[in-house]
Protein backbone atom coordinates (compact mmCIF):
# COMPACT_ATOMS: atom_id res chain seq x y z
CA MET A 1 -0.02 0.00 0.04
CA ARG A 2 2.77 2.30 0.99
CA ALA A 3 4.58 1.41 -2.26
CA LEU A 4 1.56 2.41 -4.40
CA PHE A 5 1.32 5.72 -2.60
CA LEU A 6 4.94 6.50 -3.37
CA VAL A 7 4.48 5.62 -7.04
CA ALA A 8 1.48 7.95 -7.38
CA LEU A 9 3.37 10.73 -5.62
CA LEU A 10 6.28 10.40 -8.00
CA LEU A 11 3.96 10.45 -11.09
CA ASN A 12 2.26 13.65 -9.89
CA ALA A 13 5.60 15.30 -9.30
CA ALA A 14 6.81 14.36 -12.78
CA PHE A 15 3.65 15.79 -14.38
CA LEU A 16 3.99 19.09 -12.55
CA TYR A 17 7.63 19.37 -13.56
CA TRP A 18 6.68 18.81 -17.24
CA GLN A 19 3.88 21.42 -17.17
CA PHE A 20 6.21 24.19 -15.82
CA THR A 21 9.21 23.32 -17.99
CA ARG A 22 7.68 22.68 -21.47
CA GLU A 23 8.16 25.41 -24.14
CA ALA A 24 5.11 27.61 -24.79
CA VAL A 25 4.01 27.23 -28.43
CA GLY A 26 2.10 30.16 -29.89
CA PRO A 27 0.31 30.49 -33.22
CA ARG A 28 2.72 30.07 -36.13
CA ALA A 29 2.92 33.01 -38.55
CA LEU A 30 2.14 32.24 -42.20
CA PRO A 31 5.15 32.31 -44.53
CA GLN A 32 5.55 35.37 -46.69
CA LEU A 33 4.21 34.68 -50.21
CA ALA A 34 6.32 35.55 -53.22
CA THR A 35 5.10 38.41 -55.45
CA GLY A 36 2.48 37.32 -57.96
CA VAL A 37 1.49 34.15 -56.10
CA GLU A 38 -2.29 33.95 -55.52
CA ARG A 39 -3.42 33.13 -51.95
CA LEU A 40 -5.95 30.26 -51.89
CA GLN A 41 -9.24 30.92 -50.09
CA LEU A 42 -10.74 27.98 -48.25
CA VAL A 43 -14.50 27.60 -48.43
CA ASP A 44 -16.18 27.26 -45.05
CA ALA A 45 -18.24 24.08 -44.62
CA GLY A 46 -21.33 26.07 -43.69
CA GLU A 47 -21.35 27.97 -47.05
CA GLY A 48 -19.90 25.26 -49.31
CA GLU A 49 -22.64 25.26 -51.91
CA ALA A 50 -22.99 29.07 -52.05
CA GLY A 51 -19.24 29.56 -52.22
CA ALA A 52 -18.85 26.97 -54.93
CA ALA A 53 -21.61 28.56 -56.95
CA ALA A 54 -20.05 32.01 -56.60
CA GLN A 55 -16.67 30.61 -57.73
CA GLN A 56 -18.27 28.96 -60.78
CA GLN A 57 -19.98 32.26 -61.70
CA ARG A 58 -16.65 34.18 -61.42
CA GLN A 59 -14.89 31.62 -63.57
CA ALA A 60 -17.70 31.63 -66.19
CA GLY A 61 -17.74 35.45 -66.33
CA ALA A 62 -13.97 35.63 -66.70
CA GLY A 63 -14.09 33.67 -69.99
CA GLN A 64 -16.96 35.54 -71.63
CA PRO A 65 -16.25 38.49 -73.95
CA SER A 66 -17.51 41.90 -73.07
CA ARG A 67 -21.00 42.83 -74.27
CA PRO A 68 -20.83 44.71 -77.55
CA GLU A 69 -22.30 48.13 -77.86
CA ALA A 70 -25.97 48.36 -79.03
CA LEU A 71 -26.21 48.54 -82.76
CA LYS A 72 -27.53 51.80 -84.11
CA PRO A 73 -30.86 51.50 -85.94
CA ALA A 74 -30.64 51.71 -89.70
CA PRO A 75 -31.87 55.03 -91.06
CA PRO A 76 -35.39 54.82 -92.50
CA CYS A 77 -36.24 55.02 -96.20
CA LEU A 78 -38.53 57.48 -97.88
CA VAL A 79 -41.60 56.23 -99.69
CA ALA A 80 -43.31 58.26 -102.46
CA GLY A 81 -46.80 57.37 -103.53
CA PRO A 82 -49.35 56.20 -104.26
CA ILE A 83 -48.83 56.57 -108.01
CA VAL A 84 -51.65 55.57 -110.35
CA LYS A 85 -49.76 54.74 -113.56
CA LYS A 86 -46.81 52.47 -113.95
CA GLN A 87 -45.25 54.71 -116.63
CA LEU A 88 -45.26 57.67 -114.25
CA ALA A 89 -43.74 55.53 -111.41
CA GLU A 90 -40.90 54.46 -113.74
CA LYS A 91 -40.35 58.01 -114.84
CA LEU A 92 -40.08 59.28 -111.26
CA GLN A 93 -37.83 56.34 -110.37
CA ALA A 94 -35.28 57.36 -113.03
CA ARG A 95 -35.58 61.05 -112.08
CA ILE A 96 -34.87 60.48 -108.37
CA TRP A 97 -31.91 58.18 -109.12
CA GLU A 98 -30.32 60.61 -111.53
CA SER A 99 -30.73 63.55 -109.13
CA THR A 100 -29.74 61.91 -105.81
CA GLY A 101 -27.91 58.65 -106.66
CA ALA A 102 -30.09 56.89 -104.13
CA SER A 103 -31.35 53.38 -104.74
CA VAL A 104 -35.01 53.55 -105.80
CA ILE A 105 -37.32 50.47 -105.89
CA ASN A 106 -40.58 50.62 -107.81
CA ARG A 107 -43.12 48.29 -106.20
CA LEU A 108 -46.80 47.44 -106.67
CA VAL A 109 -48.93 47.78 -103.53
CA GLU A 110 -52.51 47.86 -102.43
CA ALA A 111 -53.44 51.34 -101.29
CA GLN A 112 -56.48 52.76 -99.48
CA ILE A 113 -57.52 55.63 -101.71
CA GLN A 114 -60.30 58.18 -101.98
CA GLN A 115 -61.95 59.05 -105.24
CA TYR A 116 -64.40 61.81 -106.03
CA TRP A 117 -67.42 61.16 -108.25
CA ILE A 118 -69.24 64.06 -109.96
CA TYR A 119 -72.71 63.30 -111.30
CA LEU A 120 -76.18 64.70 -111.95
CA ALA A 121 -79.06 63.16 -109.95
CA PRO A 122 -81.16 60.45 -111.74
CA ALA A 123 -83.66 61.94 -114.22
CA PRO A 124 -87.34 60.88 -114.18
CA SER A 125 -86.84 58.94 -117.43
CA LEU A 126 -84.26 57.85 -119.91
CA ALA A 127 -85.55 60.49 -122.39
CA GLU A 128 -85.02 63.25 -119.86
CA ALA A 129 -81.55 61.98 -119.07
CA GLN A 130 -80.75 61.99 -122.80
CA ARG A 131 -81.99 65.54 -123.10
CA LEU A 132 -79.66 66.66 -120.29
CA ALA A 133 -76.78 64.84 -121.86
CA ASN A 134 -77.36 66.55 -125.25
CA ALA A 135 -77.39 69.92 -123.48
CA LEU A 136 -74.08 69.13 -121.79
CA ALA A 137 -72.59 68.11 -125.14
CA ALA A 138 -73.64 71.44 -126.63
CA HIS A 139 -71.45 73.12 -124.03
CA GLY A 140 -68.51 71.04 -125.08
CA LEU A 141 -68.70 68.37 -122.42
CA LYS A 142 -68.38 64.91 -123.95
CA ASP A 143 -66.92 62.76 -121.12
CA TYR A 144 -70.27 61.87 -119.57
CA GLN A 145 -72.23 58.62 -119.21
CA ILE A 146 -75.90 57.82 -118.61
CA LEU A 147 -76.13 55.14 -115.96
CA ALA A 148 -78.41 52.16 -115.85
CA SER A 149 -77.34 50.64 -112.53
CA PRO A 150 -79.90 50.19 -109.68
CA GLY A 151 -80.04 53.18 -107.40
CA LYS A 152 -78.42 55.41 -109.99
CA LYS A 153 -80.55 54.61 -113.08
CA ASN A 154 -80.77 57.56 -115.53
CA ALA A 155 -78.14 59.55 -113.50
CA ILE A 156 -75.41 61.21 -115.57
CA SER A 157 -71.84 60.55 -114.50
CA LEU A 158 -69.50 63.48 -115.11
CA GLY A 159 -66.24 61.94 -114.00
CA LEU A 160 -64.41 59.97 -111.31
CA PHE A 161 -61.37 61.87 -109.99
CA ASN A 162 -58.40 60.77 -107.88
CA GLU A 163 -57.61 64.35 -106.86
CA LYS A 164 -59.95 66.49 -104.87
CA ASP A 165 -58.88 69.70 -106.58
CA SER A 166 -59.64 68.24 -110.01
CA ALA A 167 -63.06 67.11 -108.83
CA GLN A 168 -63.79 70.48 -107.32
CA ARG A 169 -62.94 72.23 -110.66
CA ARG A 170 -65.33 69.96 -112.56
CA PHE A 171 -68.02 70.50 -109.96
CA GLU A 172 -67.74 74.31 -110.29
CA GLN A 173 -67.73 74.04 -114.09
CA ILE A 174 -71.04 72.10 -114.22
CA ARG A 175 -72.69 74.36 -111.69
CA GLU A 176 -71.71 77.48 -113.67
CA LEU A 177 -73.65 75.98 -116.62
CA GLY A 178 -76.78 76.09 -114.55
CA TYR A 179 -76.96 72.46 -113.40
CA ASP A 180 -77.02 71.05 -109.88
CA PRO A 181 -74.06 68.58 -109.71
CA ARG A 182 -73.38 66.29 -106.78
CA ILE A 183 -70.09 64.96 -105.47
CA ASP A 184 -69.59 61.64 -103.60
CA VAL A 185 -66.41 60.51 -101.83
CA ILE A 186 -65.61 56.81 -102.49
CA ASP A 187 -63.17 54.90 -100.29
CA ARG A 188 -61.74 51.81 -101.85
CA VAL A 189 -58.65 49.63 -102.10
CA ALA A 190 -56.83 49.73 -105.43
CA ASN A 191 -53.50 48.65 -106.93
CA ARG A 192 -51.03 51.48 -106.97
CA TYR A 193 -47.26 51.98 -107.29
CA GLU A 194 -44.91 53.50 -104.80
CA LEU A 195 -41.18 54.23 -104.76
CA LEU A 196 -39.00 53.00 -101.94
CA ILE A 197 -35.99 55.37 -101.72
CA ARG A 198 -33.01 54.01 -99.79
CA PRO A 199 -30.50 56.40 -98.23
CA ASP A 200 -27.23 56.85 -100.04
CA LYS A 201 -24.27 55.35 -98.15
CA GLY A 202 -26.28 55.03 -94.92
CA GLU A 203 -26.98 58.71 -94.59
CA TRP A 204 -30.35 60.20 -93.79
CA MET A 205 -32.35 60.97 -96.91
CA GLN A 206 -33.87 64.40 -96.52
CA PRO A 207 -37.45 64.88 -97.87
CA ALA A 208 -36.40 68.31 -99.19
CA ARG A 209 -34.24 66.52 -101.79
CA ILE A 210 -37.17 64.43 -103.08
CA ILE A 211 -40.22 66.72 -102.90
CA PRO A 212 -39.16 68.96 -105.82
CA LEU A 213 -38.82 65.82 -108.01
CA LEU A 214 -42.41 64.65 -107.47
CA PRO A 215 -45.46 65.82 -109.44
CA ALA A 216 -47.25 68.82 -108.06
CA SER A 217 -50.11 66.68 -106.83
CA PRO A 218 -51.45 66.16 -103.29
CA VAL A 219 -52.10 62.55 -104.10
CA VAL A 220 -48.38 61.58 -104.48
CA GLY A 221 -47.20 61.99 -100.85
CA LEU A 222 -43.91 61.35 -99.14
CA ARG A 223 -43.40 59.53 -95.84
CA ARG A 224 -40.64 57.76 -93.86
CA ASP A 225 -40.79 54.01 -93.52
CA ASP A 226 -38.52 51.01 -92.73
CA CYS A 227 -36.15 49.86 -95.43
CA GLN A 228 -37.71 46.54 -96.16
């Protein structure tokens, strides 16, 4: 028993001696990295998925090219029309090209147009309509027609005009002869021609360069449109 007590006492004394004599070890400083060497960042276990995803995004973004600047919209074309006759459209096409050097495309389109019809109201009988027609012919008017269609039977057509000014002149002419003409506005879709004028060398085509080349008619207008 006494021997065991002495052994335990010696062990305790040896432990205390080791505790007081061992070298204190502090935190070791990290070695100095050479210039240009990248320091590795460890991902904490609690944010492993988020950190890995962020790392993948950074790597993906590093390999992608920078976003190009937004492309400038192409300058619009000018469109002249509608033009009733193909021969006139071709003539204007050549005139615009010779004057401006721009590319001009002549194309057939469907256009919503207004026409103006001048006529005399239906007469009570065909004989009366013929009498009125003869009187008009005596005044030098020969471009008339006696109608036989329902609703306008025995009326006298005096012209269908594409331009309001021309229709108004005919209206005033018939009224000055002592008759009571009427005018109807007719809306319809018809085949017409228009000219697509492309800008020269990507520059803006100014309407002021084109308007003097068009016929002096309110029917042939000018507008901007996409270059299609």
